[in-house]
């Protein structure tokens, strides 16, 4: 299957090097226009590159989940309150996130 992720993994950029279009039969995308001066990669090379990208993406699932949780915390305010109140609220919140989403 041809994917933009696979092509991007190979170093190509959408609308600069290629244009994809979905097949009207529901068979996935195909390369509508190849713009790059480099040779067009084979479908199997694109599939291997997509699998490589997917493996790297999946390996970082914990990091994306942690980041989403970290972004929800008002960390500066928590650190300030901990300093003023001699508490560990911020450290406890970070530890809970790391426990929920381990590496």
C-alpha atoms as a PDB file:
ATOM      1  CA  UNK A   1       0.000   0.000   0.000  1.00  0.00           C
ATOM      2  CA  UNK A   2       1.280   3.458  -0.861  1.00  0.00           C
ATOM      3  CA  UNK A   3       1.171   5.950   2.022  1.00  0.00           C
ATOM      4  CA  UNK A   4       2.393   9.483   2.537  1.00  0.00           C
ATOM      5  CA  UNK A   5       4.109   8.308   5.744  1.00  0.00           C
ATOM      6  CA  UNK A   6       6.104   5.757   3.755  1.00  0.00           C
ATOM      7  CA  UNK A   7       7.066   8.301   1.125  1.00  0.00           C
ATOM      8  CA  UNK A   8       7.968  10.859   3.787  1.00  0.00           C
ATOM      9  CA  UNK A   9      10.104   8.238   5.555  1.00  0.00           C
ATOM     10  CA  UNK A  10      11.999   7.847   2.274  1.00  0.00           C
ATOM     11  CA  UNK A  11      12.654  11.587   2.260  1.00  0.00           C
ATOM     12  CA  UNK A  12       9.966  12.740  -0.157  1.00  0.00           C
ATOM     13  CA  UNK A  13       7.540  15.588   0.526  1.00  0.00           C
ATOM     14  CA  UNK A  14       3.896  15.772  -0.499  1.00  0.00           C
ATOM     15  CA  UNK A  15       3.156  18.344  -3.218  1.00  0.00           C
ATOM     16  CA  UNK A  16       6.895  18.902  -3.686  1.00  0.00           C
ATOM     17  CA  UNK A  17       7.895  15.395  -4.766  1.00  0.00           C
ATOM     18  CA  UNK A  18       4.578  13.636  -5.305  1.00  0.00           C
ATOM     19  CA  UNK A  19       0.798  13.885  -5.311  1.00  0.00           C
ATOM     20  CA  UNK A  20      -1.289  11.015  -3.951  1.00  0.00           C
ATOM     21  CA  UNK A  21      -4.878  10.292  -4.818  1.00  0.00           C
ATOM     22  CA  UNK A  22      -7.308   7.781  -3.352  1.00  0.00           C
ATOM     23  CA  UNK A  23      -8.460   5.067  -5.692  1.00  0.00           C
ATOM     24  CA  UNK A  24     -12.194   5.348  -6.328  1.00  0.00           C
ATOM     25  CA  UNK A  25     -12.473   1.551  -5.968  1.00  0.00           C
ATOM     26  CA  UNK A  26     -11.430   1.720  -2.305  1.00  0.00           C
ATOM     27  CA  UNK A  27      -8.057   0.075  -2.910  1.00  0.00           C
ATOM     28  CA  UNK A  28      -6.099   2.855  -1.194  1.00  0.00           C
ATOM     29  CA  UNK A  29      -3.916   5.599  -2.530  1.00  0.00           C
ATOM     30  CA  UNK A  30      -1.830   5.691  -5.673  1.00  0.00           C
ATOM     31  CA  UNK A  31       0.782   8.140  -6.899  1.00  0.00           C
ATOM     32  CA  UNK A  32      -1.144  10.463  -9.190  1.00  0.00           C
ATOM     33  CA  UNK A  33       1.849  12.635 -10.078  1.00  0.00           C
ATOM     34  CA  UNK A  34       5.546  12.040  -9.492  1.00  0.00           C
ATOM     35  CA  UNK A  35       7.302  15.425  -9.381  1.00  0.00           C
ATOM     36  CA  UNK A  36      10.674  14.558  -7.881  1.00  0.00           C
ATOM     37  CA  UNK A  37      13.723  14.313 -10.103  1.00  0.00           C
ATOM     38  CA  UNK A  38      14.655  11.164  -8.167  1.00  0.00           C
ATOM     39  CA  UNK A  39      13.366   7.799  -9.321  1.00  0.00           C
ATOM     40  CA  UNK A  40       9.952   6.855  -8.025  1.00  0.00           C
ATOM     41  CA  UNK A  41      10.298   4.196  -5.314  1.00  0.00           C
ATOM     42  CA  UNK A  42       8.620   0.831  -5.688  1.00  0.00           C
ATOM     43  CA  UNK A  43       5.469  -0.020  -3.771  1.00  0.00           C
ATOM     44  CA  UNK A  44       7.446  -2.538  -1.701  1.00  0.00           C
ATOM     45  CA  UNK A  45      10.047   0.120  -0.776  1.00  0.00           C
ATOM     46  CA  UNK A  46       7.235   2.459   0.302  1.00  0.00           C
ATOM     47  CA  UNK A  47       5.626  -0.334   2.355  1.00  0.00           C
ATOM     48  CA  UNK A  48       8.929  -1.117   4.118  1.00  0.00           C
ATOM     49  CA  UNK A  49       9.463   2.584   4.846  1.00  0.00           C
ATOM     50  CA  UNK A  50       5.922   2.879   6.200  1.00  0.00           C
ATOM     51  CA  UNK A  51       6.516  -0.121   8.474  1.00  0.00           C
ATOM     52  CA  UNK A  52       9.725   1.514   9.732  1.00  0.00           C
ATOM     53  CA  UNK A  53       7.852   4.748  10.427  1.00  0.00           C
ATOM     54  CA  UNK A  54       5.009   2.844  12.161  1.00  0.00           C
ATOM     55  CA  UNK A  55       7.441   0.987  14.422  1.00  0.00           C
ATOM     56  CA  UNK A  56       9.102   4.245  15.497  1.00  0.00           C
ATOM     57  CA  UNK A  57       5.709   5.912  15.981  1.00  0.00           C
ATOM     58  CA  UNK A  58       4.353   3.025  18.079  1.00  0.00           C
ATOM     59  CA  UNK A  59       7.496   3.018  20.228  1.00  0.00           C
ATOM     60  CA  UNK A  60       6.747   6.599  21.232  1.00  0.00           C
ATOM     61  CA  UNK A  61       3.125   6.039  22.299  1.00  0.00           C
ATOM     62  CA  UNK A  62       4.056   6.488  25.951  1.00  0.00           C
ATOM     63  CA  UNK A  63       5.727   9.837  25.162  1.00  0.00           C
ATOM     64  CA  UNK A  64       2.644  11.167  23.352  1.00  0.00           C
ATOM     65  CA  UNK A  65       0.398  10.049  26.212  1.00  0.00           C
ATOM     66  CA  UNK A  66       2.683  11.608  28.814  1.00  0.00           C
ATOM     67  CA  UNK A  67       2.912  14.862  26.892  1.00  0.00           C
ATOM     68  CA  UNK A  68      -0.851  15.112  26.680  1.00  0.00           C
ATOM     69  CA  UNK A  69      -1.127  14.657  30.458  1.00  0.00           C
ATOM     70  CA  UNK A  70       1.757  17.039  31.179  1.00  0.00           C
ATOM     71  CA  UNK A  71       0.121  19.706  29.043  1.00  0.00           C
ATOM     72  CA  UNK A  72      -2.999  19.487  31.188  1.00  0.00           C
ATOM     73  CA  UNK A  73      -1.061  20.291  34.348  1.00  0.00           C
ATOM     74  CA  UNK A  74      -0.445  23.839  35.430  1.00  0.00           C
ATOM     75  CA  UNK A  75       3.110  22.932  36.366  1.00  0.00           C
ATOM     76  CA  UNK A  76       4.429  26.413  37.102  1.00  0.00           C
ATOM     77  CA  UNK A  77       1.628  27.100  39.540  1.00  0.00           C
ATOM     78  CA  UNK A  78       2.076  23.688  41.162  1.00  0.00           C
ATOM     79  CA  UNK A  79       5.826  24.242  41.636  1.00  0.00           C
ATOM     80  CA  UNK A  80       5.204  27.684  43.094  1.00  0.00           C
ATOM     81  CA  UNK A  81       2.556  26.378  45.494  1.00  0.00           C
ATOM     82  CA  UNK A  82       4.904  23.541  46.532  1.00  0.00           C
ATOM     83  CA  UNK A  83       7.660  26.045  47.252  1.00  0.00           C
ATOM     84  CA  UNK A  84       5.366  28.256  49.328  1.00  0.00           C
ATOM     85  CA  UNK A  85       3.564  25.413  51.129  1.00  0.00           C
ATOM     86  CA  UNK A  86       6.491  22.971  51.429  1.00  0.00           C
ATOM     87  CA  UNK A  87       4.459  20.316  49.612  1.00  0.00           C
ATOM     88  CA  UNK A  88       5.242  17.869  46.798  1.00  0.00           C
ATOM     89  CA  UNK A  89       2.069  18.207  44.728  1.00  0.00           C
ATOM     90  CA  UNK A  90       3.951  18.806  41.469  1.00  0.00           C
ATOM     91  CA  UNK A  91       6.368  15.913  42.026  1.00  0.00           C
ATOM     92  CA  UNK A  92       3.482  13.632  42.953  1.00  0.00           C
ATOM     93  CA  UNK A  93       1.551  14.604  39.792  1.00  0.00           C
ATOM     94  CA  UNK A  94       4.572  13.966  37.546  1.00  0.00           C
ATOM     95  CA  UNK A  95       5.272  10.630  39.264  1.00  0.00           C
ATOM     96  CA  UNK A  96       1.646   9.565  38.766  1.00  0.00           C
ATOM     97  CA  UNK A  97       1.853  10.329  35.028  1.00  0.00           C
ATOM     98  CA  UNK A  98       5.123   8.417  34.688  1.00  0.00           C
ATOM     99  CA  UNK A  99       3.578   5.469  36.520  1.00  0.00           C
ATOM    100  CA  UNK A 100       0.480   5.522  34.323  1.00  0.00           C
ATOM    101  CA  UNK A 101       2.545   5.756  31.091  1.00  0.00           C
ATOM    102  CA  UNK A 102       5.850   3.915  31.670  1.00  0.00           C
ATOM    103  CA  UNK A 103       8.581   3.788  29.044  1.00  0.00           C
END
